[in-house]
Amino acid sequence: MAKHLEGQVAVITGAGGGIGRGIALELASQGARVVVNDLGGAVDGSGASRQAADLVVEEIQADGGKAAPNYDSVATMEGGERMVQTALDRFGRLDIMIHLAGILRDRMLFNMTEQEWDSVIAVHLKGMFATGKPAAIIFRQQRSGRIIGFSSTSGLHGNPGQVNYGAAKEGIAGFVKTVARDLGRYGVTVNGIAPSADTRMTQTVSDQARELRARASSGPTLERQKFDPNDVAPFAAYLCTDHAKDINGQMFYVAGSTVSLFNNPYAAKTIQKFGRWTLEDIGQLLPSTIGKDVINPAPPLPPKA
């Protein structure tokens, strides 16, 4: 069977477990040489261990593939640069950068600390920049490359108690759409995946939080099911191949055997008038036009008896 990524070199962040591990194994099975990055910390970002990355490297090598570990944090520019340098030092090139590393510090906005906000933004969103920039420098020079960022329906649709995570993931969606325009002229594609899978991150969510999010969800109903994280890998690998050379700046939802292409935001309904609107004009017209079917995702609770 043909190996679609023969000779390619990939860096995958957060590849020590879950979705990242599945993608690392899939890319290696397709002939790619893989830098397995994982800090080895807990779900909240605390601690560090080399074990997670080492075990995935050993899996790849045991199956006849080539891989090298990297233990740097994605939250620093130095960490991102060292990941790229690891690929160059060990395998002589870089073709694919996939950013999956993430942490959770769930809290309602009124209870969230600055540190809880900053740490999640740093790993997810700054991590996209810290890994994407050094990769982009190489990709621009060689006139080829693939960047894949992992967003989430928590950012695209919103999830109670995840304002830091949701903001970071929506930021990654913006990164994808913008950098795709920056790099497309150089033969580089930048795409995003918003997955649904049963990982150690989702397993930390309490039953109460799950119920609250299920009631508030405006996203796909498949989100409420549990899916194998390995199901995401084949589609991620596809985006790295020449078959996907013209797919750029897109966001996909992947869950189980379902793959969906998200629409970019568009104006669903519009009202216009000659001259400037007044508050009274809007108050009279909006409820019967563009505001007619607007639903409050979290209506106020009834008054206590």
C-alpha atoms as a PDB file:
ATOM      1  CA  MET A   1       0.000   0.000   0.000  1.00  0.00           C
ATOM      2  CA  ALA A   2       1.321   3.459  -0.917  1.00  0.00           C
ATOM      3  CA  LYS A   3       2.663   5.673   1.837  1.00  0.00           C
ATOM      4  CA  HIS A   4       1.332   9.159   1.148  1.00  0.00           C
ATOM      5  CA  LEU A   5       3.821  11.036   3.361  1.00  0.00           C
ATOM      6  CA  GLU A   6       7.017   9.206   2.470  1.00  0.00           C
ATOM      7  CA  GLY A   7      10.032  11.444   3.122  1.00  0.00           C
ATOM      8  CA  GLN A   8       8.025  14.128   4.942  1.00  0.00           C
ATOM      9  CA  VAL A   9       8.920  15.383   8.417  1.00  0.00           C
ATOM     10  CA  ALA A  10       6.282  16.453  10.939  1.00  0.00           C
ATOM     11  CA  VAL A  11       6.285  18.125  14.334  1.00  0.00           C
ATOM     12  CA  ILE A  12       3.198  17.314  16.403  1.00  0.00           C
ATOM     13  CA  THR A  13       2.659  19.067  19.722  1.00  0.00           C
ATOM     14  CA  GLY A  14       0.774  17.323  22.507  1.00  0.00           C
ATOM     15  CA  ALA A  15       1.487  14.010  20.787  1.00  0.00           C
ATOM     16  CA  GLY A  16       2.096  12.023  23.969  1.00  0.00           C
ATOM     17  CA  GLY A  17      -1.528  10.933  24.245  1.00  0.00           C
ATOM     18  CA  GLY A  18      -5.072  11.244  22.953  1.00  0.00           C
ATOM     19  CA  ILE A  19      -5.650  12.765  19.532  1.00  0.00           C
ATOM     20  CA  GLY A  20      -2.006  13.788  19.163  1.00  0.00           C
ATOM     21  CA  ARG A  21      -0.733  10.260  19.718  1.00  0.00           C
ATOM     22  CA  GLY A  22      -3.157   8.931  17.111  1.00  0.00           C
ATOM     23  CA  ILE A  23      -1.998  11.484  14.559  1.00  0.00           C
ATOM     24  CA  ALA A  24       1.670  10.771  15.276  1.00  0.00           C
ATOM     25  CA  LEU A  25       1.126   7.047  14.704  1.00  0.00           C
ATOM     26  CA  GLU A  26      -0.922   7.674  11.552  1.00  0.00           C
ATOM     27  CA  LEU A  27       1.606  10.034   9.994  1.00  0.00           C
ATOM     28  CA  ALA A  28       4.430   7.628  10.799  1.00  0.00           C
ATOM     29  CA  SER A  29       2.486   4.761   9.199  1.00  0.00           C
ATOM     30  CA  GLN A  30       2.215   6.920   6.072  1.00  0.00           C
ATOM     31  CA  GLY A  31       5.999   7.274   5.906  1.00  0.00           C
ATOM     32  CA  ALA A  32       6.516  10.564   7.759  1.00  0.00           C
ATOM     33  CA  ARG A  33       9.318  11.008  10.248  1.00  0.00           C
ATOM     34  CA  VAL A  34       7.782  12.498  13.373  1.00  0.00           C
ATOM     35  CA  VAL A  35       8.953  14.765  16.171  1.00  0.00           C
ATOM     36  CA  VAL A  36       6.721  13.800  19.096  1.00  0.00           C
ATOM     37  CA  ASN A  37       6.396  16.847  21.340  1.00  0.00           C
ATOM     38  CA  ASP A  38       4.848  16.573  24.782  1.00  0.00           C
ATOM     39  CA  LEU A  39       5.693  18.431  27.970  1.00  0.00           C
ATOM     40  CA  GLY A  40       4.214  15.534  29.936  1.00  0.00           C
ATOM     41  CA  GLY A  41       2.237  17.735  32.312  1.00  0.00           C
ATOM     42  CA  ALA A  42      -1.146  17.243  33.942  1.00  0.00           C
ATOM     43  CA  VAL A  43      -4.385  18.375  32.311  1.00  0.00           C
ATOM     44  CA  ASP A  44      -4.135  21.708  34.159  1.00  0.00           C
ATOM     45  CA  GLY A  45      -0.595  22.231  32.824  1.00  0.00           C
ATOM     46  CA  SER A  46       1.255  21.490  36.042  1.00  0.00           C
ATOM     47  CA  GLY A  47       4.292  19.233  36.188  1.00  0.00           C
ATOM     48  CA  ALA A  48       6.378  17.680  33.427  1.00  0.00           C
ATOM     49  CA  SER A  49       7.538  14.226  32.392  1.00  0.00           C
ATOM     50  CA  ARG A  50       9.393  12.729  29.439  1.00  0.00           C
ATOM     51  CA  GLN A  51       7.477   9.461  29.612  1.00  0.00           C
ATOM     52  CA  ALA A  52       4.524  10.386  27.394  1.00  0.00           C
ATOM     53  CA  ALA A  53       6.620  11.493  24.414  1.00  0.00           C
ATOM     54  CA  ASP A  54       9.102   8.638  24.861  1.00  0.00           C
ATOM     55  CA  LEU A  55       6.396   5.972  24.822  1.00  0.00           C
ATOM     56  CA  VAL A  56       4.921   7.228  21.542  1.00  0.00           C
ATOM     57  CA  VAL A  57       8.380   7.392  19.971  1.00  0.00           C
ATOM     58  CA  GLU A  58       8.954   3.802  21.052  1.00  0.00           C
ATOM     59  CA  GLU A  59       5.608   2.756  19.521  1.00  0.00           C
ATOM     60  CA  ILE A  60       6.510   4.325  16.201  1.00  0.00           C
ATOM     61  CA  GLN A  61       9.981   2.799  16.174  1.00  0.00           C
ATOM     62  CA  ALA A  62       8.647  -0.636  17.131  1.00  0.00           C
ATOM     63  CA  ASP A  63       6.413  -0.478  14.066  1.00  0.00           C
ATOM     64  CA  GLY A  64       9.373   0.339  11.825  1.00  0.00           C
ATOM     65  CA  GLY A  65       8.897   4.113  11.703  1.00  0.00           C
ATOM     66  CA  LYS A  66      11.212   6.965  12.587  1.00  0.00           C
ATOM     67  CA  ALA A  67      10.527   9.398  15.410  1.00  0.00           C
ATOM     68  CA  ALA A  68      12.286  11.666  17.887  1.00  0.00           C
ATOM     69  CA  PRO A  69      10.992  13.076  21.178  1.00  0.00           C
ATOM     70  CA  ASN A  70      10.809  16.711  22.222  1.00  0.00           C
ATOM     71  CA  TYR A  71       9.774  17.864  25.690  1.00  0.00           C
ATOM     72  CA  ASP A  72       9.577  21.651  25.275  1.00  0.00           C
ATOM     73  CA  SER A  73       6.642  23.852  26.263  1.00  0.00           C
ATOM     74  CA  VAL A  74       4.608  25.283  23.399  1.00  0.00           C
ATOM     75  CA  ALA A  75       3.954  28.391  25.504  1.00  0.00           C
ATOM     76  CA  THR A  76       7.373  29.916  24.762  1.00  0.00           C
ATOM     77  CA  MET A  77       8.965  31.061  21.537  1.00  0.00           C
ATOM     78  CA  GLU A  78      12.142  29.221  22.526  1.00  0.00           C
ATOM     79  CA  GLY A  79      10.166  26.003  22.908  1.00  0.00           C
ATOM     80  CA  GLY A  80       8.623  26.306  19.450  1.00  0.00           C
ATOM     81  CA  GLU A  81      11.991  27.061  17.886  1.00  0.00           C
ATOM     82  CA  ARG A  82      13.589  24.055  19.575  1.00  0.00           C
ATOM     83  CA  MET A  83      10.871  21.757  18.233  1.00  0.00           C
ATOM     84  CA  VAL A  84      11.614  22.928  14.705  1.00  0.00           C
ATOM     85  CA  GLN A  85      15.337  22.607  15.340  1.00  0.00           C
ATOM     86  CA  THR A  86      14.815  19.045  16.582  1.00  0.00           C
ATOM     87  CA  ALA A  87      13.217  18.186  13.229  1.00  0.00           C
ATOM     88  CA  LEU A  88      16.105  19.794  11.325  1.00  0.00           C
ATOM     89  CA  ASP A  89      18.793  18.186  13.472  1.00  0.00           C
ATOM     90  CA  ARG A  90      17.305  14.689  13.468  1.00  0.00           C
ATOM     91  CA  PHE A  91      15.703  14.494  10.043  1.00  0.00           C
ATOM     92  CA  GLY A  92      17.121  17.360   7.984  1.00  0.00           C
ATOM     93  CA  ARG A  93      13.880  19.126   7.063  1.00  0.00           C
ATOM     94  CA  LEU A  94      10.368  20.142   8.131  1.00  0.00           C
ATOM     95  CA  ASP A  95       7.154  19.779   6.133  1.00  0.00           C
ATOM     96  CA  ILE A  96       4.299  19.605   8.642  1.00  0.00           C
ATOM     97  CA  MET A  97       3.488  21.457  11.865  1.00  0.00           C
ATOM     98  CA  ILE A  98       0.458  20.294  13.860  1.00  0.00           C
ATOM     99  CA  HIS A  99      -0.416  22.053  17.120  1.00  0.00           C
ATOM    100  CA  LEU A 100      -2.516  19.975  19.517  1.00  0.00           C
ATOM    101  CA  ALA A 101      -1.029  20.651  22.948  1.00  0.00           C
ATOM    102  CA  GLY A 102      -3.601  21.978  25.378  1.00  0.00           C
ATOM    103  CA  ILE A 103      -4.642  22.350  28.994  1.00  0.00           C
ATOM    104  CA  LEU A 104      -7.853  23.131  30.849  1.00  0.00           C
ATOM    105  CA  ARG A 105      -8.506  25.556  33.700  1.00  0.00           C
ATOM    106  CA  ASP A 106     -12.303  25.648  33.597  1.00  0.00           C
ATOM    107  CA  ARG A 107     -14.038  28.340  35.620  1.00  0.00           C
ATOM    108  CA  MET A 108     -16.909  30.772  35.244  1.00  0.00           C
ATOM    109  CA  LEU A 109     -15.683  34.255  34.329  1.00  0.00           C
ATOM    110  CA  PHE A 110     -16.607  35.739  37.700  1.00  0.00           C
ATOM    111  CA  ASN A 111     -14.449  33.132  39.474  1.00  0.00           C
ATOM    112  CA  MET A 112     -11.550  32.941  37.024  1.00  0.00           C
ATOM    113  CA  THR A 113      -8.133  34.183  38.053  1.00  0.00           C
ATOM    114  CA  GLU A 114      -5.738  36.038  35.792  1.00  0.00           C
ATOM    115  CA  GLN A 115      -3.329  33.123  35.999  1.00  0.00           C
ATOM    116  CA  GLU A 116      -6.028  30.656  34.888  1.00  0.00           C
ATOM    117  CA  TRP A 117      -6.761  32.883  31.910  1.00  0.00           C
ATOM    118  CA  ASP A 118      -3.126  33.475  30.973  1.00  0.00           C
ATOM    119  CA  SER A 119      -2.009  29.849  31.251  1.00  0.00           C
ATOM    120  CA  VAL A 120      -4.723  28.517  28.931  1.00  0.00           C
ATOM    121  CA  ILE A 121      -4.234  31.309  26.387  1.00  0.00           C
ATOM    122  CA  ALA A 122      -0.464  30.701  26.493  1.00  0.00           C
ATOM    123  CA  VAL A 123      -0.622  26.983  25.739  1.00  0.00           C
ATOM    124  CA  HIS A 124      -3.371  27.011  23.109  1.00  0.00           C
ATOM    125  CA  LEU A 125      -3.187  30.356  21.338  1.00  0.00           C
ATOM    126  CA  LYS A 126       0.362  31.537  21.939  1.00  0.00           C
ATOM    127  CA  GLY A 127       1.419  27.950  21.306  1.00  0.00           C
ATOM    128  CA  MET A 128      -0.089  28.252  17.836  1.00  0.00           C
ATOM    129  CA  PHE A 129       2.101  31.295  17.210  1.00  0.00           C
ATOM    130  CA  ALA A 130       5.221  29.937  18.925  1.00  0.00           C
ATOM    131  CA  THR A 131       5.197  26.805  16.765  1.00  0.00           C
ATOM    132  CA  GLY A 132       3.669  28.315  13.642  1.00  0.00           C
ATOM    133  CA  LYS A 133       6.146  31.172  13.216  1.00  0.00           C
ATOM    134  CA  PRO A 134       9.390  29.164  13.034  1.00  0.00           C
ATOM    135  CA  ALA A 135       7.659  26.624  10.805  1.00  0.00           C
ATOM    136  CA  ALA A 136       6.349  29.388   8.539  1.00  0.00           C
ATOM    137  CA  ILE A 137       9.853  30.799   8.044  1.00  0.00           C
ATOM    138  CA  ILE A 138      11.024  27.441   6.692  1.00  0.00           C
ATOM    139  CA  PHE A 139       7.865  26.776   4.689  1.00  0.00           C
ATOM    140  CA  ARG A 140       8.055  30.181   2.995  1.00  0.00           C
ATOM    141  CA  GLN A 141      11.654  29.559   1.985  1.00  0.00           C
ATOM    142  CA  GLN A 142      11.011  26.072   0.619  1.00  0.00           C
ATOM    143  CA  ARG A 143       7.672  27.050  -0.969  1.00  0.00           C
ATOM    144  CA  SER A 144       5.784  24.181   0.649  1.00  0.00           C
ATOM    145  CA  GLY A 145       4.398  23.083   3.986  1.00  0.00           C
ATOM    146  CA  ARG A 146       1.345  22.203   6.029  1.00  0.00           C
ATOM    147  CA  ILE A 147       0.154  23.834   9.254  1.00  0.00           C
ATOM    148  CA  ILE A 148      -2.817  22.415  11.157  1.00  0.00           C
ATOM    149  CA  GLY A 149      -4.257  24.053  14.258  1.00  0.00           C
ATOM    150  CA  PHE A 150      -6.768  22.442  16.562  1.00  0.00           C
ATOM    151  CA  SER A 151      -9.750  24.575  17.481  1.00  0.00           C
ATOM    152  CA  SER A 152     -12.890  23.443  19.317  1.00  0.00           C
ATOM    153  CA  THR A 153     -16.634  23.811  19.226  1.00  0.00           C
ATOM    154  CA  SER A 154     -16.136  25.392  22.668  1.00  0.00           C
ATOM    155  CA  GLY A 155     -14.693  28.354  20.796  1.00  0.00           C
ATOM    156  CA  LEU A 156     -16.834  28.188  17.671  1.00  0.00           C
ATOM    157  CA  HIS A 157     -20.145  27.760  19.561  1.00  0.00           C
ATOM    158  CA  GLY A 158     -19.314  28.502  23.205  1.00  0.00           C
ATOM    159  CA  ASN A 159     -19.347  26.314  26.307  1.00  0.00           C
ATOM    160  CA  PRO A 160     -20.281  27.342  29.868  1.00  0.00           C
ATOM    161  CA  GLY A 161     -17.287  27.621  32.188  1.00  0.00           C
ATOM    162  CA  GLN A 162     -14.674  27.677  29.429  1.00  0.00           C
ATOM    163  CA  VAL A 163     -14.184  31.340  28.596  1.00  0.00           C
ATOM    164  CA  ASN A 164     -10.373  31.022  28.559  1.00  0.00           C
ATOM    165  CA  TYR A 165     -10.386  27.818  26.517  1.00  0.00           C
ATOM    166  CA  GLY A 166     -13.126  29.046  24.181  1.00  0.00           C
ATOM    167  CA  ALA A 167     -11.383  32.359  23.543  1.00  0.00           C
ATOM    168  CA  ALA A 168      -8.113  30.563  22.804  1.00  0.00           C
ATOM    169  CA  LYS A 169      -9.753  28.088  20.442  1.00  0.00           C
ATOM    170  CA  GLU A 170     -11.657  30.806  18.582  1.00  0.00           C
ATOM    171  CA  GLY A 171      -8.338  32.633  18.347  1.00  0.00           C
ATOM    172  CA  ILE A 172      -6.841  29.585  16.656  1.00  0.00           C
ATOM    173  CA  ALA A 173      -9.688  29.668  14.129  1.00  0.00           C
ATOM    174  CA  GLY A 174      -8.779  33.286  13.393  1.00  0.00           C
ATOM    175  CA  PHE A 175      -5.110  32.333  13.135  1.00  0.00           C
ATOM    176  CA  VAL A 176      -5.940  29.641  10.580  1.00  0.00           C
ATOM    177  CA  LYS A 177      -8.019  31.906   8.364  1.00  0.00           C
ATOM    178  CA  THR A 178      -5.508  34.760   8.473  1.00  0.00           C
ATOM    179  CA  VAL A 179      -2.245  32.836   8.111  1.00  0.00           C
ATOM    180  CA  ALA A 180      -3.758  30.829   5.247  1.00  0.00           C
ATOM    181  CA  ARG A 181      -3.947  34.120   3.335  1.00  0.00           C
ATOM    182  CA  ASP A 182      -0.400  35.039   4.355  1.00  0.00           C
ATOM    183  CA  LEU A 183       1.206  31.763   3.303  1.00  0.00           C
ATOM    184  CA  GLY A 184      -0.998  30.414   0.517  1.00  0.00           C
ATOM    185  CA  ARG A 185       0.998  32.259  -2.145  1.00  0.00           C
ATOM    186  CA  TYR A 186       4.076  30.276  -1.069  1.00  0.00           C
ATOM    187  CA  GLY A 187       2.437  26.894  -1.545  1.00  0.00           C
ATOM    188  CA  VAL A 188       1.690  26.484   2.158  1.00  0.00           C
ATOM    189  CA  THR A 189      -1.717  25.466   3.479  1.00  0.00           C
ATOM    190  CA  VAL A 190      -3.096  26.298   6.926  1.00  0.00           C
ATOM    191  CA  ASN A 191      -6.220  24.525   8.126  1.00  0.00           C
ATOM    192  CA  GLY A 192      -8.031  23.805  11.375  1.00  0.00           C
ATOM    193  CA  ILE A 193      -9.806  20.874  12.971  1.00  0.00           C
ATOM    194  CA  ALA A 194     -12.381  21.125  15.749  1.00  0.00           C
ATOM    195  CA  PRO A 195     -12.590  17.533  17.022  1.00  0.00           C
ATOM    196  CA  SER A 196     -14.924  15.691  19.318  1.00  0.00           C
ATOM    197  CA  ALA A 197     -13.224  12.793  21.111  1.00  0.00           C
ATOM    198  CA  ASP A 198     -13.005  11.120  24.483  1.00  0.00           C
ATOM    199  CA  THR A 199      -9.619  12.216  25.844  1.00  0.00           C
ATOM    200  CA  ARG A 200      -8.124  12.812  29.274  1.00  0.00           C
ATOM    201  CA  MET A 201      -9.134  16.480  28.933  1.00  0.00           C
ATOM    202  CA  THR A 202     -12.802  15.696  28.364  1.00  0.00           C
ATOM    203  CA  GLN A 203     -12.725  13.076  31.110  1.00  0.00           C
ATOM    204  CA  THR A 204     -12.031  15.780  33.695  1.00  0.00           C
ATOM    205  CA  VAL A 205     -15.370  17.495  32.992  1.00  0.00           C
ATOM    206  CA  SER A 206     -17.877  16.903  35.786  1.00  0.00           C
ATOM    207  CA  ASP A 207     -21.315  15.411  35.145  1.00  0.00           C
ATOM    208  CA  GLN A 208     -22.881  18.699  36.271  1.00  0.00           C
ATOM    209  CA  ALA A 209     -20.841  20.653  33.741  1.00  0.00           C
ATOM    210  CA  ARG A 210     -21.666  18.146  31.008  1.00  0.00           C
ATOM    211  CA  GLU A 211     -25.380  18.527  31.670  1.00  0.00           C
ATOM    212  CA  LEU A 212     -25.153  22.316  31.676  1.00  0.00           C
ATOM    213  CA  ARG A 213     -23.236  22.300  28.380  1.00  0.00           C
ATOM    214  CA  ALA A 214     -25.635  19.827  26.801  1.00  0.00           C
ATOM    215  CA  ARG A 215     -28.591  22.100  27.617  1.00  0.00           C
ATOM    216  CA  ALA A 216     -26.788  25.172  26.302  1.00  0.00           C
ATOM    217  CA  SER A 217     -25.210  23.553  23.242  1.00  0.00           C
ATOM    218  CA  SER A 218     -26.006  24.954  19.824  1.00  0.00           C
ATOM    219  CA  GLY A 219     -23.335  22.785  18.204  1.00  0.00           C
ATOM    220  CA  PRO A 220     -23.614  19.342  16.611  1.00  0.00           C
ATOM    221  CA  THR A 221     -25.548  16.795  18.665  1.00  0.00           C
ATOM    222  CA  LEU A 222     -22.717  14.334  17.983  1.00  0.00           C
ATOM    223  CA  GLU A 223     -20.735  16.392  20.501  1.00  0.00           C
ATOM    224  CA  ARG A 224     -22.592  14.646  23.316  1.00  0.00           C
ATOM    225  CA  GLN A 225     -21.319  11.225  22.305  1.00  0.00           C
ATOM    226  CA  LYS A 226     -17.920   9.707  23.073  1.00  0.00           C
ATOM    227  CA  PHE A 227     -15.587   9.079  20.169  1.00  0.00           C
ATOM    228  CA  ASP A 228     -12.244   7.352  19.869  1.00  0.00           C
ATOM    229  CA  PRO A 229      -9.479  10.006  19.622  1.00  0.00           C
ATOM    230  CA  ASN A 230      -7.781   7.891  16.944  1.00  0.00           C
ATOM    231  CA  ASP A 231     -10.716   8.597  14.613  1.00  0.00           C
ATOM    232  CA  VAL A 232      -9.345  12.101  13.995  1.00  0.00           C
ATOM    233  CA  ALA A 233      -5.977  10.891  12.677  1.00  0.00           C
ATOM    234  CA  PRO A 234      -6.843   9.852   9.096  1.00  0.00           C
ATOM    235  CA  PHE A 235      -8.379  13.211   8.246  1.00  0.00           C
ATOM    236  CA  ALA A 236      -5.472  15.132   9.799  1.00  0.00           C
ATOM    237  CA  ALA A 237      -3.101  13.001   7.725  1.00  0.00           C
ATOM    238  CA  TYR A 238      -5.150  13.692   4.591  1.00  0.00           C
ATOM    239  CA  LEU A 239      -4.723  17.444   5.064  1.00  0.00           C
ATOM    240  CA  CYS A 240      -0.943  16.883   5.038  1.00  0.00           C
ATOM    241  CA  THR A 241      -0.917  15.133   1.661  1.00  0.00           C
ATOM    242  CA  ASP A 242      -0.706  16.488  -1.878  1.00  0.00           C
ATOM    243  CA  HIS A 243      -4.375  15.530  -2.290  1.00  0.00           C
ATOM    244  CA  ALA A 244      -5.206  18.517  -0.043  1.00  0.00           C
ATOM    245  CA  LYS A 245      -2.868  21.047  -1.706  1.00  0.00           C
ATOM    246  CA  ASP A 246      -5.784  23.354  -2.585  1.00  0.00           C
ATOM    247  CA  ILE A 247      -7.573  23.095   0.777  1.00  0.00           C
ATOM    248  CA  ASN A 248      -6.517  26.220   2.646  1.00  0.00           C
ATOM    249  CA  GLY A 249      -7.978  28.383   5.402  1.00  0.00           C
ATOM    250  CA  GLN A 250     -10.754  25.921   6.235  1.00  0.00           C
ATOM    251  CA  MET A 251     -12.136  24.645   9.526  1.00  0.00           C
ATOM    252  CA  PHE A 252     -13.412  21.072   9.838  1.00  0.00           C
ATOM    253  CA  TYR A 253     -15.388  19.243  12.511  1.00  0.00           C
ATOM    254  CA  VAL A 254     -14.239  15.630  12.979  1.00  0.00           C
ATOM    255  CA  ALA A 255     -16.007  13.164  15.283  1.00  0.00           C
ATOM    256  CA  GLY A 256     -16.056   9.410  14.837  1.00  0.00           C
ATOM    257  CA  SER A 257     -16.898   8.720  11.208  1.00  0.00           C
ATOM    258  CA  THR A 258     -18.291  12.240  10.676  1.00  0.00           C
ATOM    259  CA  VAL A 259     -16.352  14.993   8.903  1.00  0.00           C
ATOM    260  CA  SER A 260     -18.011  18.373   8.439  1.00  0.00           C
ATOM    261  CA  LEU A 261     -16.818  21.571   6.783  1.00  0.00           C
ATOM    262  CA  PHE A 262     -17.765  24.645   8.816  1.00  0.00           C
ATOM    263  CA  ASN A 263     -19.068  27.730   7.048  1.00  0.00           C
ATOM    264  CA  ASN A 264     -17.179  30.932   7.631  1.00  0.00           C
ATOM    265  CA  PRO A 265     -19.373  33.545   9.370  1.00  0.00           C
ATOM    266  CA  TYR A 266     -21.781  35.220   7.005  1.00  0.00           C
ATOM    267  CA  ALA A 267     -24.648  37.676   7.286  1.00  0.00           C
ATOM    268  CA  ALA A 268     -27.715  35.476   7.714  1.00  0.00           C
ATOM    269  CA  LYS A 269     -30.184  38.391   7.807  1.00  0.00           C
ATOM    270  CA  THR A 270     -29.830  42.133   7.210  1.00  0.00           C
ATOM    271  CA  ILE A 271     -31.871  45.272   7.771  1.00  0.00           C
ATOM    272  CA  GLN A 272     -31.053  48.600   6.114  1.00  0.00           C
ATOM    273  CA  LYS A 273     -32.523  52.083   5.854  1.00  0.00           C
ATOM    274  CA  PHE A 274     -31.724  55.422   4.299  1.00  0.00           C
ATOM    275  CA  GLY A 275     -29.799  57.532   6.772  1.00  0.00           C
ATOM    276  CA  ARG A 276     -28.691  56.709  10.296  1.00  0.00           C
ATOM    277  CA  TRP A 277     -30.634  54.356  12.510  1.00  0.00           C
ATOM    278  CA  THR A 278     -32.186  55.619  15.714  1.00  0.00           C
ATOM    279  CA  LEU A 279     -32.594  53.473  18.792  1.00  0.00           C
ATOM    280  CA  GLU A 280     -36.365  53.740  18.400  1.00  0.00           C
ATOM    281  CA  ASP A 281     -36.182  52.580  14.761  1.00  0.00           C
ATOM    282  CA  ILE A 282     -34.186  49.513  15.745  1.00  0.00           C
ATOM    283  CA  GLY A 283     -36.443  48.737  18.692  1.00  0.00           C
ATOM    284  CA  GLN A 284     -39.475  48.801  16.440  1.00  0.00           C
ATOM    285  CA  LEU A 285     -38.081  46.837  13.495  1.00  0.00           C
ATOM    286  CA  LEU A 286     -35.511  44.361  14.841  1.00  0.00           C
ATOM    287  CA  PRO A 287     -37.892  42.102  16.874  1.00  0.00           C
ATOM    288  CA  SER A 288     -39.926  41.287  13.771  1.00  0.00           C
ATOM    289  CA  THR A 289     -36.980  40.918  11.364  1.00  0.00           C
ATOM    290  CA  ILE A 290     -33.416  39.815  12.116  1.00  0.00           C
ATOM    291  CA  GLY A 291     -34.133  39.366  15.830  1.00  0.00           C
ATOM    292  CA  LYS A 292     -37.250  37.283  15.317  1.00  0.00           C
ATOM    293  CA  ASP A 293     -35.649  33.866  15.728  1.00  0.00           C
ATOM    294  CA  VAL A 294     -32.770  34.825  18.021  1.00  0.00           C
ATOM    295  CA  ILE A 295     -32.609  32.495  21.030  1.00  0.00           C
ATOM    296  CA  ASN A 296     -30.934  33.282  24.343  1.00  0.00           C
ATOM    297  CA  PRO A 297     -28.594  30.301  24.984  1.00  0.00           C
ATOM    298  CA  ALA A 298     -28.729  30.897  28.737  1.00  0.00           C
ATOM    299  CA  PRO A 299     -31.967  32.625  29.792  1.00  0.00           C
ATOM    300  CA  PRO A 300     -32.238  34.013  33.346  1.00  0.00           C
ATOM    301  CA  LEU A 301     -33.316  31.650  36.059  1.00  0.00           C
ATOM    302  CA  PRO A 302     -36.821  32.169  37.458  1.00  0.00           C
ATOM    303  CA  PRO A 303     -36.989  34.218  40.684  1.00  0.00           C
ATOM    304  CA  LYS A 304     -36.556  32.240  43.855  1.00  0.00           C
ATOM    305  CA  ALA A 305     -39.800  31.567  45.697  1.00  0.00           C
END
